[in-house]
Amino acid sequence: MAKNQNSNQSKPSGLVEMRPVDIYFAKYSESHQNPTNKLIHWICVPLIVFSLFGLLWSIPFPYLKFLGSYNGFFNWASFLIAFSIYYYYKLSPVLSYFMLLVLMIFSFGVIELADWQKAGGPALWLVCLVLFVLSWIGQFIGHNIEGKKPSFLDDLKFLLIGPIWLLHFILKKFSIKY
């Protein structure tokens, strides 16, 4: 008849259970303390996301009859959007909504680059590849300055955490709970 005493006890006051997103942010922050590395990340992380988005966008997508008039609205980047927004939603719905807005803005930028390509400008994939390589180099320079290896070398999830880690600072600045 003796019940487990621990099941009836509440948590000691002052202890707050951290959400998975906050645990990821804390871990990510460990290798992003140096102000120069942080600045580099504010520039390079969005450029990496944008360039990856553009690279996927530029891969030819097959014509699928069942899409009907919606052919052309879907491409390989659509899968990146769906996967990442779902992942972000599981961590924080508010962050996922803001990240979706960011990806919509990036979509506009990629469409503009694709239109520039059609008008005789450089190929979308080439512009995005150059941005990607330069941004990756920038990231590694930042981590060299920091003196710590990038978080994603321990866990690939941190490739997805970087963009929302930056976004959460913006939300905090405007007192928006995520």
N, C-alpha and C. Protein backbone atom coordinates (compact mmCIF):
# COMPACT_ATOMS: atom_id res chain seq x y z
N MET A 1 0.80 -1.18 0.00
CA MET A 1 0.00 0.00 0.00
C MET A 1 0.85 1.27 0.00
N ALA A 2 2.12 1.09 0.20
CA ALA A 2 3.01 2.23 0.19
C ALA A 2 3.21 2.71 -1.24
N LYS A 3 2.93 3.98 -1.43
CA LYS A 3 3.12 4.58 -2.76
C LYS A 3 4.53 5.12 -2.88
N ASN A 4 4.94 5.23 -4.10
CA ASN A 4 6.24 5.82 -4.37
C ASN A 4 6.19 7.28 -3.94
N GLN A 5 6.99 7.63 -2.98
CA GLN A 5 6.99 8.99 -2.43
C GLN A 5 7.36 10.03 -3.49
N ASN A 6 8.25 9.65 -4.43
CA ASN A 6 8.72 10.60 -5.43
C ASN A 6 7.63 11.01 -6.41
N SER A 7 6.65 10.14 -6.64
CA SER A 7 5.63 10.47 -7.63
C SER A 7 4.70 11.56 -7.13
N ASN A 8 4.58 11.72 -5.83
CA ASN A 8 3.69 12.74 -5.28
C ASN A 8 4.40 14.06 -5.00
N GLN A 9 5.68 14.05 -5.07
CA GLN A 9 6.43 15.27 -4.77
C GLN A 9 6.56 16.13 -6.02
N SER A 10 6.44 17.41 -5.83
CA SER A 10 6.66 18.32 -6.95
C SER A 10 8.14 18.65 -7.03
N LYS A 11 8.50 19.24 -8.13
CA LYS A 11 9.91 19.61 -8.31
C LYS A 11 10.27 20.73 -7.35
N PRO A 12 11.50 20.70 -6.87
CA PRO A 12 11.92 21.78 -5.98
C PRO A 12 11.78 23.14 -6.67
N SER A 13 11.36 24.13 -5.91
CA SER A 13 11.20 25.46 -6.50
C SER A 13 12.54 25.97 -6.99
N GLY A 14 12.48 26.73 -8.07
CA GLY A 14 13.71 27.27 -8.64
C GLY A 14 14.27 26.40 -9.76
N LEU A 15 13.87 25.14 -9.81
CA LEU A 15 14.33 24.27 -10.89
C LEU A 15 13.32 24.32 -12.02
N VAL A 16 13.79 24.69 -13.18
CA VAL A 16 12.92 24.77 -14.35
C VAL A 16 13.40 23.73 -15.35
N GLU A 17 12.47 22.91 -15.82
CA GLU A 17 12.83 21.92 -16.81
C GLU A 17 13.06 22.62 -18.14
N MET A 18 14.21 22.36 -18.72
CA MET A 18 14.55 22.99 -19.99
C MET A 18 13.91 22.23 -21.15
N ARG A 19 13.40 22.99 -22.10
CA ARG A 19 12.84 22.39 -23.31
C ARG A 19 14.00 21.94 -24.19
N PRO A 20 13.75 20.96 -25.07
CA PRO A 20 14.83 20.51 -25.96
C PRO A 20 15.45 21.66 -26.77
N VAL A 21 14.64 22.60 -27.23
CA VAL A 21 15.19 23.71 -28.02
C VAL A 21 16.18 24.53 -27.20
N ASP A 22 15.87 24.74 -25.92
CA ASP A 22 16.78 25.51 -25.06
C ASP A 22 18.06 24.73 -24.76
N ILE A 23 17.94 23.42 -24.66
CA ILE A 23 19.13 22.58 -24.46
C ILE A 23 20.03 22.67 -25.68
N TYR A 24 19.42 22.60 -26.88
CA TYR A 24 20.21 22.73 -28.11
C TYR A 24 20.87 24.10 -28.19
N PHE A 25 20.14 25.16 -27.84
CA PHE A 25 20.70 26.50 -27.90
C PHE A 25 21.87 26.64 -26.92
N ALA A 26 21.72 26.08 -25.73
CA ALA A 26 22.81 26.15 -24.74
C ALA A 26 24.05 25.42 -25.25
N LYS A 27 23.85 24.24 -25.81
CA LYS A 27 24.97 23.47 -26.35
C LYS A 27 25.62 24.19 -27.53
N TYR A 28 24.78 24.75 -28.42
CA TYR A 28 25.29 25.47 -29.58
C TYR A 28 26.08 26.70 -29.13
N SER A 29 25.60 27.37 -28.11
CA SER A 29 26.26 28.59 -27.60
C SER A 29 27.65 28.32 -27.05
N GLU A 30 27.87 27.09 -26.57
CA GLU A 30 29.18 26.75 -26.00
C GLU A 30 30.32 26.99 -26.98
N SER A 31 30.07 26.77 -28.27
CA SER A 31 31.14 26.96 -29.26
C SER A 31 30.93 28.24 -30.07
N HIS A 32 30.17 29.17 -29.49
CA HIS A 32 29.91 30.44 -30.16
C HIS A 32 29.93 31.57 -29.12
N GLN A 33 31.07 31.74 -28.46
CA GLN A 33 31.22 32.76 -27.42
C GLN A 33 32.00 33.99 -27.90
N ASN A 34 32.94 33.77 -28.79
CA ASN A 34 33.79 34.85 -29.28
C ASN A 34 32.97 35.82 -30.13
N PRO A 35 33.05 37.12 -29.86
CA PRO A 35 32.25 38.10 -30.62
C PRO A 35 32.51 38.07 -32.13
N THR A 36 33.75 37.83 -32.53
CA THR A 36 34.06 37.76 -33.97
C THR A 36 33.41 36.54 -34.59
N ASN A 37 33.48 35.40 -33.90
CA ASN A 37 32.85 34.19 -34.40
C ASN A 37 31.33 34.39 -34.49
N LYS A 38 30.74 35.04 -33.50
CA LYS A 38 29.29 35.31 -33.53
C LYS A 38 28.93 36.18 -34.73
N LEU A 39 29.71 37.22 -34.97
CA LEU A 39 29.46 38.11 -36.10
C LEU A 39 29.55 37.34 -37.42
N ILE A 40 30.58 36.52 -37.53
CA ILE A 40 30.74 35.71 -38.74
C ILE A 40 29.52 34.81 -38.93
N HIS A 41 29.02 34.25 -37.84
CA HIS A 41 27.84 33.38 -37.93
C HIS A 41 26.59 34.16 -38.34
N TRP A 42 26.46 35.39 -37.88
CA TRP A 42 25.31 36.21 -38.27
C TRP A 42 25.31 36.47 -39.78
N ILE A 43 26.48 36.45 -40.38
CA ILE A 43 26.58 36.65 -41.83
C ILE A 43 26.50 35.30 -42.56
N CYS A 44 27.29 34.34 -42.11
CA CYS A 44 27.46 33.09 -42.85
C CYS A 44 26.29 32.11 -42.73
N VAL A 45 25.68 32.00 -41.56
CA VAL A 45 24.59 31.03 -41.41
C VAL A 45 23.42 31.35 -42.35
N PRO A 46 22.93 32.61 -42.38
CA PRO A 46 21.86 32.90 -43.35
C PRO A 46 22.30 32.67 -44.80
N LEU A 47 23.55 33.00 -45.12
CA LEU A 47 24.03 32.77 -46.49
C LEU A 47 24.11 31.29 -46.82
N ILE A 48 24.48 30.47 -45.85
CA ILE A 48 24.53 29.03 -46.08
C ILE A 48 23.12 28.49 -46.32
N VAL A 49 22.18 28.92 -45.49
CA VAL A 49 20.79 28.46 -45.67
C VAL A 49 20.27 28.91 -47.03
N PHE A 50 20.49 30.18 -47.36
CA PHE A 50 20.03 30.71 -48.65
C PHE A 50 20.67 29.94 -49.81
N SER A 51 21.97 29.73 -49.73
CA SER A 51 22.67 29.07 -50.84
C SER A 51 22.26 27.60 -50.97
N LEU A 52 22.09 26.91 -49.85
CA LEU A 52 21.61 25.53 -49.90
C LEU A 52 20.22 25.47 -50.52
N PHE A 53 19.40 26.40 -50.12
CA PHE A 53 18.05 26.51 -50.65
C PHE A 53 18.09 26.72 -52.17
N GLY A 54 18.94 27.62 -52.61
CA GLY A 54 19.08 27.89 -54.04
C GLY A 54 19.67 26.73 -54.81
N LEU A 55 20.63 26.02 -54.20
CA LEU A 55 21.21 24.85 -54.87
C LEU A 55 20.15 23.77 -55.07
N LEU A 56 19.36 23.52 -54.05
CA LEU A 56 18.29 22.51 -54.19
C LEU A 56 17.25 22.97 -55.20
N TRP A 57 16.94 24.25 -55.18
CA TRP A 57 15.96 24.82 -56.09
C TRP A 57 16.39 24.62 -57.55
N SER A 58 17.68 24.71 -57.78
CA SER A 58 18.20 24.66 -59.15
C SER A 58 18.28 23.25 -59.73
N ILE A 59 18.11 22.23 -58.90
CA ILE A 59 18.11 20.85 -59.41
C ILE A 59 16.79 20.63 -60.15
N PRO A 60 16.85 20.21 -61.40
CA PRO A 60 15.61 20.00 -62.16
C PRO A 60 14.66 19.04 -61.44
N PHE A 61 13.40 19.44 -61.38
CA PHE A 61 12.37 18.64 -60.73
C PHE A 61 11.48 18.03 -61.80
N PRO A 62 11.16 16.76 -61.68
CA PRO A 62 10.39 16.10 -62.73
C PRO A 62 8.96 16.63 -62.84
N TYR A 63 8.42 16.54 -64.03
CA TYR A 63 7.01 16.87 -64.24
C TYR A 63 6.19 15.72 -63.67
N LEU A 64 5.28 16.05 -62.77
CA LEU A 64 4.43 15.03 -62.16
C LEU A 64 2.98 15.34 -62.54
N LYS A 65 2.40 14.47 -63.32
CA LYS A 65 1.07 14.70 -63.88
C LYS A 65 0.03 14.99 -62.80
N PHE A 66 0.10 14.29 -61.67
CA PHE A 66 -0.92 14.47 -60.63
C PHE A 66 -0.90 15.88 -60.02
N LEU A 67 0.20 16.62 -60.19
CA LEU A 67 0.25 17.98 -59.69
C LEU A 67 -0.53 18.96 -60.56
N GLY A 68 -0.80 18.54 -61.79
CA GLY A 68 -1.59 19.38 -62.69
C GLY A 68 -1.01 20.77 -62.84
N SER A 69 -1.85 21.77 -62.59
CA SER A 69 -1.41 23.15 -62.77
C SER A 69 -0.40 23.59 -61.70
N TYR A 70 -0.19 22.75 -60.69
CA TYR A 70 0.77 23.10 -59.64
C TYR A 70 2.20 22.68 -59.97
N ASN A 71 2.38 22.03 -61.13
CA ASN A 71 3.74 21.73 -61.57
C ASN A 71 4.47 23.07 -61.71
N GLY A 72 5.68 23.09 -61.28
CA GLY A 72 6.45 24.34 -61.31
C GLY A 72 6.45 25.05 -59.96
N PHE A 73 5.46 24.71 -59.12
CA PHE A 73 5.44 25.31 -57.78
C PHE A 73 6.19 24.45 -56.77
N PHE A 74 6.46 23.21 -57.15
CA PHE A 74 7.21 22.30 -56.30
C PHE A 74 8.57 22.06 -56.92
N ASN A 75 9.57 21.96 -56.05
CA ASN A 75 10.91 21.60 -56.48
C ASN A 75 11.60 20.93 -55.31
N TRP A 76 12.85 20.60 -55.47
CA TRP A 76 13.55 19.89 -54.40
C TRP A 76 13.68 20.73 -53.13
N ALA A 77 13.70 22.04 -53.26
CA ALA A 77 13.76 22.91 -52.09
C ALA A 77 12.48 22.80 -51.27
N SER A 78 11.37 22.43 -51.90
CA SER A 78 10.10 22.25 -51.19
C SER A 78 10.25 21.20 -50.08
N PHE A 79 11.03 20.17 -50.37
CA PHE A 79 11.24 19.12 -49.37
C PHE A 79 12.08 19.63 -48.20
N LEU A 80 13.06 20.49 -48.50
CA LEU A 80 13.85 21.11 -47.43
C LEU A 80 12.95 21.97 -46.55
N ILE A 81 12.07 22.73 -47.17
CA ILE A 81 11.14 23.57 -46.41
C ILE A 81 10.28 22.68 -45.52
N ALA A 82 9.66 21.67 -46.10
CA ALA A 82 8.76 20.81 -45.33
C ALA A 82 9.47 20.13 -44.17
N PHE A 83 10.63 19.55 -44.44
CA PHE A 83 11.36 18.85 -43.38
C PHE A 83 11.80 19.80 -42.28
N SER A 84 12.42 20.91 -42.67
CA SER A 84 12.96 21.82 -41.65
C SER A 84 11.85 22.48 -40.84
N ILE A 85 10.77 22.88 -41.48
CA ILE A 85 9.69 23.52 -40.73
C ILE A 85 9.03 22.52 -39.78
N TYR A 86 8.87 21.28 -40.21
CA TYR A 86 8.34 20.25 -39.31
C TYR A 86 9.27 20.06 -38.12
N TYR A 87 10.57 19.96 -38.37
CA TYR A 87 11.54 19.80 -37.29
C TYR A 87 11.50 20.99 -36.34
N TYR A 88 11.47 22.20 -36.90
CA TYR A 88 11.42 23.39 -36.06
C TYR A 88 10.11 23.46 -35.28
N TYR A 89 9.01 23.04 -35.90
CA TYR A 89 7.71 23.07 -35.23
C TYR A 89 7.73 22.16 -34.00
N LYS A 90 8.39 21.01 -34.12
CA LYS A 90 8.47 20.09 -32.98
C LYS A 90 9.27 20.72 -31.84
N LEU A 91 10.24 21.57 -32.18
CA LEU A 91 11.05 22.24 -31.15
C LEU A 91 10.36 23.48 -30.60
N SER A 92 9.75 24.26 -31.49
CA SER A 92 9.11 25.51 -31.08
C SER A 92 8.21 25.99 -32.22
N PRO A 93 6.89 25.92 -32.05
CA PRO A 93 6.00 26.40 -33.11
C PRO A 93 6.29 27.84 -33.53
N VAL A 94 6.54 28.71 -32.56
CA VAL A 94 6.78 30.13 -32.89
C VAL A 94 8.03 30.27 -33.75
N LEU A 95 9.11 29.60 -33.40
CA LEU A 95 10.32 29.66 -34.21
C LEU A 95 10.07 29.10 -35.61
N SER A 96 9.24 28.06 -35.71
CA SER A 96 8.96 27.48 -37.03
C SER A 96 8.21 28.48 -37.91
N TYR A 97 7.29 29.25 -37.32
CA TYR A 97 6.53 30.25 -38.10
C TYR A 97 7.47 31.34 -38.63
N PHE A 98 8.35 31.80 -37.77
CA PHE A 98 9.29 32.84 -38.19
C PHE A 98 10.29 32.30 -39.21
N MET A 99 10.70 31.05 -39.03
CA MET A 99 11.62 30.46 -40.00
C MET A 99 10.94 30.27 -41.35
N LEU A 100 9.65 29.94 -41.34
CA LEU A 100 8.90 29.84 -42.59
C LEU A 100 8.87 31.19 -43.29
N LEU A 101 8.69 32.25 -42.53
CA LEU A 101 8.73 33.60 -43.11
C LEU A 101 10.10 33.88 -43.73
N VAL A 102 11.16 33.51 -43.03
CA VAL A 102 12.52 33.68 -43.55
C VAL A 102 12.69 32.91 -44.86
N LEU A 103 12.20 31.67 -44.89
CA LEU A 103 12.33 30.86 -46.09
C LEU A 103 11.49 31.42 -47.24
N MET A 104 10.39 32.06 -46.93
CA MET A 104 9.60 32.72 -47.98
C MET A 104 10.38 33.89 -48.58
N ILE A 105 11.05 34.63 -47.73
CA ILE A 105 11.89 35.73 -48.21
C ILE A 105 13.04 35.18 -49.05
N PHE A 106 13.65 34.08 -48.58
CA PHE A 106 14.71 33.44 -49.36
C PHE A 106 14.18 32.94 -50.69
N SER A 107 12.95 32.45 -50.71
CA SER A 107 12.34 32.00 -51.97
C SER A 107 12.26 33.15 -52.96
N PHE A 108 11.86 34.30 -52.48
CA PHE A 108 11.81 35.48 -53.34
C PHE A 108 13.19 35.77 -53.91
N GLY A 109 14.21 35.72 -53.06
CA GLY A 109 15.58 35.98 -53.52
C GLY A 109 16.05 34.97 -54.54
N VAL A 110 15.72 33.70 -54.33
CA VAL A 110 16.11 32.66 -55.27
C VAL A 110 15.39 32.85 -56.60
N ILE A 111 14.11 33.20 -56.55
CA ILE A 111 13.36 33.46 -57.79
C ILE A 111 13.97 34.63 -58.54
N GLU A 112 14.38 35.64 -57.83
CA GLU A 112 15.02 36.79 -58.47
C GLU A 112 16.33 36.37 -59.15
N LEU A 113 17.11 35.53 -58.48
CA LEU A 113 18.35 35.04 -59.09
C LEU A 113 18.05 34.16 -60.31
N ALA A 114 16.99 33.35 -60.23
CA ALA A 114 16.61 32.50 -61.37
C ALA A 114 16.17 33.38 -62.55
N ASP A 115 15.44 34.46 -62.27
CA ASP A 115 15.04 35.38 -63.32
C ASP A 115 16.25 36.09 -63.93
N TRP A 116 17.21 36.43 -63.09
CA TRP A 116 18.45 37.05 -63.57
C TRP A 116 19.18 36.08 -64.50
N GLN A 117 19.20 34.81 -64.12
CA GLN A 117 19.82 33.79 -64.97
C GLN A 117 19.13 33.74 -66.33
N LYS A 118 17.80 33.77 -66.36
CA LYS A 118 17.04 33.73 -67.61
C LYS A 118 17.32 34.95 -68.48
N ALA A 119 17.65 36.07 -67.82
CA ALA A 119 17.94 37.31 -68.54
C ALA A 119 19.40 37.39 -69.00
N GLY A 120 20.15 36.30 -68.76
CA GLY A 120 21.54 36.29 -69.22
C GLY A 120 22.56 36.37 -68.11
N GLY A 121 22.11 36.41 -66.88
CA GLY A 121 23.03 36.47 -65.74
C GLY A 121 23.63 35.12 -65.43
N PRO A 122 24.40 35.04 -64.38
CA PRO A 122 25.04 33.78 -64.02
C PRO A 122 24.00 32.73 -63.60
N ALA A 123 24.39 31.48 -63.71
CA ALA A 123 23.51 30.38 -63.33
C ALA A 123 23.21 30.42 -61.83
N LEU A 124 21.98 30.15 -61.48
CA LEU A 124 21.55 30.12 -60.08
C LEU A 124 22.43 29.19 -59.27
N TRP A 125 22.67 27.99 -59.78
CA TRP A 125 23.44 27.02 -59.03
C TRP A 125 24.86 27.51 -58.79
N LEU A 126 25.42 28.25 -59.75
CA LEU A 126 26.79 28.74 -59.62
C LEU A 126 26.88 29.84 -58.55
N VAL A 127 25.93 30.77 -58.59
CA VAL A 127 25.90 31.83 -57.58
C VAL A 127 25.77 31.22 -56.19
N CYS A 128 24.86 30.25 -56.06
CA CYS A 128 24.63 29.62 -54.77
C CYS A 128 25.82 28.79 -54.31
N LEU A 129 26.48 28.13 -55.24
CA LEU A 129 27.66 27.34 -54.89
C LEU A 129 28.78 28.24 -54.38
N VAL A 130 29.00 29.36 -55.05
CA VAL A 130 30.04 30.30 -54.60
C VAL A 130 29.70 30.84 -53.21
N LEU A 131 28.43 31.23 -53.01
CA LEU A 131 28.00 31.70 -51.69
C LEU A 131 28.20 30.63 -50.62
N PHE A 132 27.83 29.41 -50.96
CA PHE A 132 27.95 28.30 -50.02
C PHE A 132 29.41 28.07 -49.61
N VAL A 133 30.30 27.98 -50.58
CA VAL A 133 31.71 27.71 -50.30
C VAL A 133 32.32 28.85 -49.47
N LEU A 134 32.06 30.09 -49.88
CA LEU A 134 32.61 31.23 -49.14
C LEU A 134 32.06 31.28 -47.71
N SER A 135 30.79 30.98 -47.55
CA SER A 135 30.18 30.99 -46.22
C SER A 135 30.72 29.88 -45.33
N TRP A 136 30.93 28.71 -45.91
CA TRP A 136 31.51 27.60 -45.14
C TRP A 136 32.91 27.97 -44.67
N ILE A 137 33.68 28.55 -45.59
CA ILE A 137 35.03 28.99 -45.22
C ILE A 137 34.95 30.00 -44.08
N GLY A 138 34.02 30.93 -44.20
CA GLY A 138 33.82 31.92 -43.13
C GLY A 138 33.51 31.28 -41.80
N GLN A 139 32.63 30.28 -41.82
CA GLN A 139 32.27 29.58 -40.58
C GLN A 139 33.50 28.94 -39.93
N PHE A 140 34.32 28.27 -40.75
CA PHE A 140 35.49 27.60 -40.20
C PHE A 140 36.54 28.61 -39.71
N ILE A 141 36.62 29.76 -40.37
CA ILE A 141 37.49 30.83 -39.88
C ILE A 141 37.00 31.28 -38.50
N GLY A 142 35.69 31.47 -38.38
CA GLY A 142 35.10 31.86 -37.09
C GLY A 142 35.40 30.86 -36.00
N HIS A 143 35.27 29.58 -36.32
CA HIS A 143 35.54 28.56 -35.30
C HIS A 143 37.03 28.45 -35.00
N ASN A 144 37.87 28.76 -35.97
CA ASN A 144 39.30 28.81 -35.70
C ASN A 144 39.61 29.95 -34.73
N ILE A 145 38.97 31.09 -34.93
CA ILE A 145 39.13 32.23 -34.01
C ILE A 145 38.62 31.85 -32.63
N GLU A 146 37.46 31.17 -32.61
CA GLU A 146 36.84 30.73 -31.35
C GLU A 146 37.74 29.74 -30.62
N GLY A 147 38.44 28.90 -31.39
CA GLY A 147 39.27 27.87 -30.79
C GLY A 147 38.48 26.62 -30.43
N LYS A 148 37.27 26.51 -30.97
CA LYS A 148 36.44 25.34 -30.71
C LYS A 148 35.89 24.82 -32.03
N LYS A 149 35.73 23.51 -32.10
CA LYS A 149 35.21 22.92 -33.33
C LYS A 149 33.71 23.21 -33.45
N PRO A 150 33.19 23.24 -34.68
CA PRO A 150 31.77 23.48 -34.89
C PRO A 150 30.91 22.40 -34.23
N SER A 151 29.75 22.80 -33.71
CA SER A 151 28.84 21.89 -33.01
C SER A 151 28.38 20.74 -33.88
N PHE A 152 28.20 21.01 -35.19
CA PHE A 152 27.66 19.97 -36.06
C PHE A 152 28.62 18.80 -36.25
N LEU A 153 29.88 18.98 -35.88
CA LEU A 153 30.82 17.86 -35.98
C LEU A 153 30.50 16.79 -34.93
N ASP A 154 29.84 17.21 -33.83
CA ASP A 154 29.41 16.26 -32.80
C ASP A 154 28.03 15.69 -33.12
N ASP A 155 27.16 16.52 -33.67
CA ASP A 155 25.78 16.11 -33.93
C ASP A 155 25.25 16.90 -35.13
N LEU A 156 24.87 16.20 -36.17
CA LEU A 156 24.41 16.86 -37.40
C LEU A 156 23.16 17.71 -37.19
N LYS A 157 22.42 17.48 -36.10
CA LYS A 157 21.24 18.30 -35.82
C LYS A 157 21.59 19.78 -35.73
N PHE A 158 22.83 20.05 -35.35
CA PHE A 158 23.22 21.44 -35.16
C PHE A 158 23.31 22.21 -36.47
N LEU A 159 23.32 21.50 -37.60
CA LEU A 159 23.22 22.20 -38.88
C LEU A 159 21.85 22.88 -39.00
N LEU A 160 20.83 22.27 -38.42
CA LEU A 160 19.49 22.86 -38.42
C LEU A 160 19.29 23.84 -37.27
N ILE A 161 20.05 23.70 -36.21
CA ILE A 161 19.88 24.56 -35.03
C ILE A 161 20.44 25.95 -35.27
N GLY A 162 21.53 26.06 -36.02
CA GLY A 162 22.16 27.36 -36.25
C GLY A 162 21.21 28.47 -36.69
N PRO A 163 20.38 28.24 -37.71
CA PRO A 163 19.48 29.32 -38.15
C PRO A 163 18.48 29.76 -37.08
N ILE A 164 17.91 28.80 -36.34
CA ILE A 164 16.92 29.23 -35.33
C ILE A 164 17.60 29.76 -34.07
N TRP A 165 18.86 29.38 -33.87
CA TRP A 165 19.63 29.96 -32.76
C TRP A 165 19.77 31.46 -32.98
N LEU A 166 20.08 31.86 -34.21
CA LEU A 166 20.15 33.28 -34.53
C LEU A 166 18.78 33.93 -34.41
N LEU A 167 17.78 33.26 -34.93
CA LEU A 167 16.42 33.80 -34.92
C LEU A 167 15.91 34.02 -33.50
N HIS A 168 16.28 33.14 -32.58
CA HIS A 168 15.79 33.29 -31.21
C HIS A 168 16.33 34.56 -30.55
N PHE A 169 17.51 35.03 -30.96
CA PHE A 169 18.03 36.29 -30.43
C PHE A 169 17.17 37.46 -30.89
N ILE A 170 16.73 37.41 -32.14
CA ILE A 170 15.86 38.47 -32.66
C ILE A 170 14.53 38.47 -31.92
N LEU A 171 13.96 37.29 -31.71
CA LEU A 171 12.70 37.20 -30.98
C LEU A 171 12.84 37.70 -29.55
N LYS A 172 13.95 37.35 -28.90
CA LYS A 172 14.19 37.83 -27.54
C LYS A 172 14.27 39.36 -27.50
N LYS A 173 14.94 39.93 -28.51
CA LYS A 173 15.09 41.39 -28.56
C LYS A 173 13.73 42.09 -28.58
N PHE A 174 12.75 41.46 -29.24
CA PHE A 174 11.42 42.02 -29.32
C PHE A 174 10.45 41.41 -28.29
N SER A 175 11.02 40.73 -27.30
CA SER A 175 10.25 40.10 -26.22
C SER A 175 9.16 39.16 -26.73
N ILE A 176 9.48 38.41 -27.77
CA ILE A 176 8.55 37.42 -28.32
C ILE A 176 8.97 36.06 -27.77
N LYS A 177 8.08 35.43 -27.04
CA LYS A 177 8.37 34.12 -26.47
C LYS A 177 8.35 33.08 -27.58
N TYR A 178 9.35 32.25 -27.55
CA TYR A 178 9.44 31.20 -28.55
C TYR A 178 9.21 29.85 -27.91
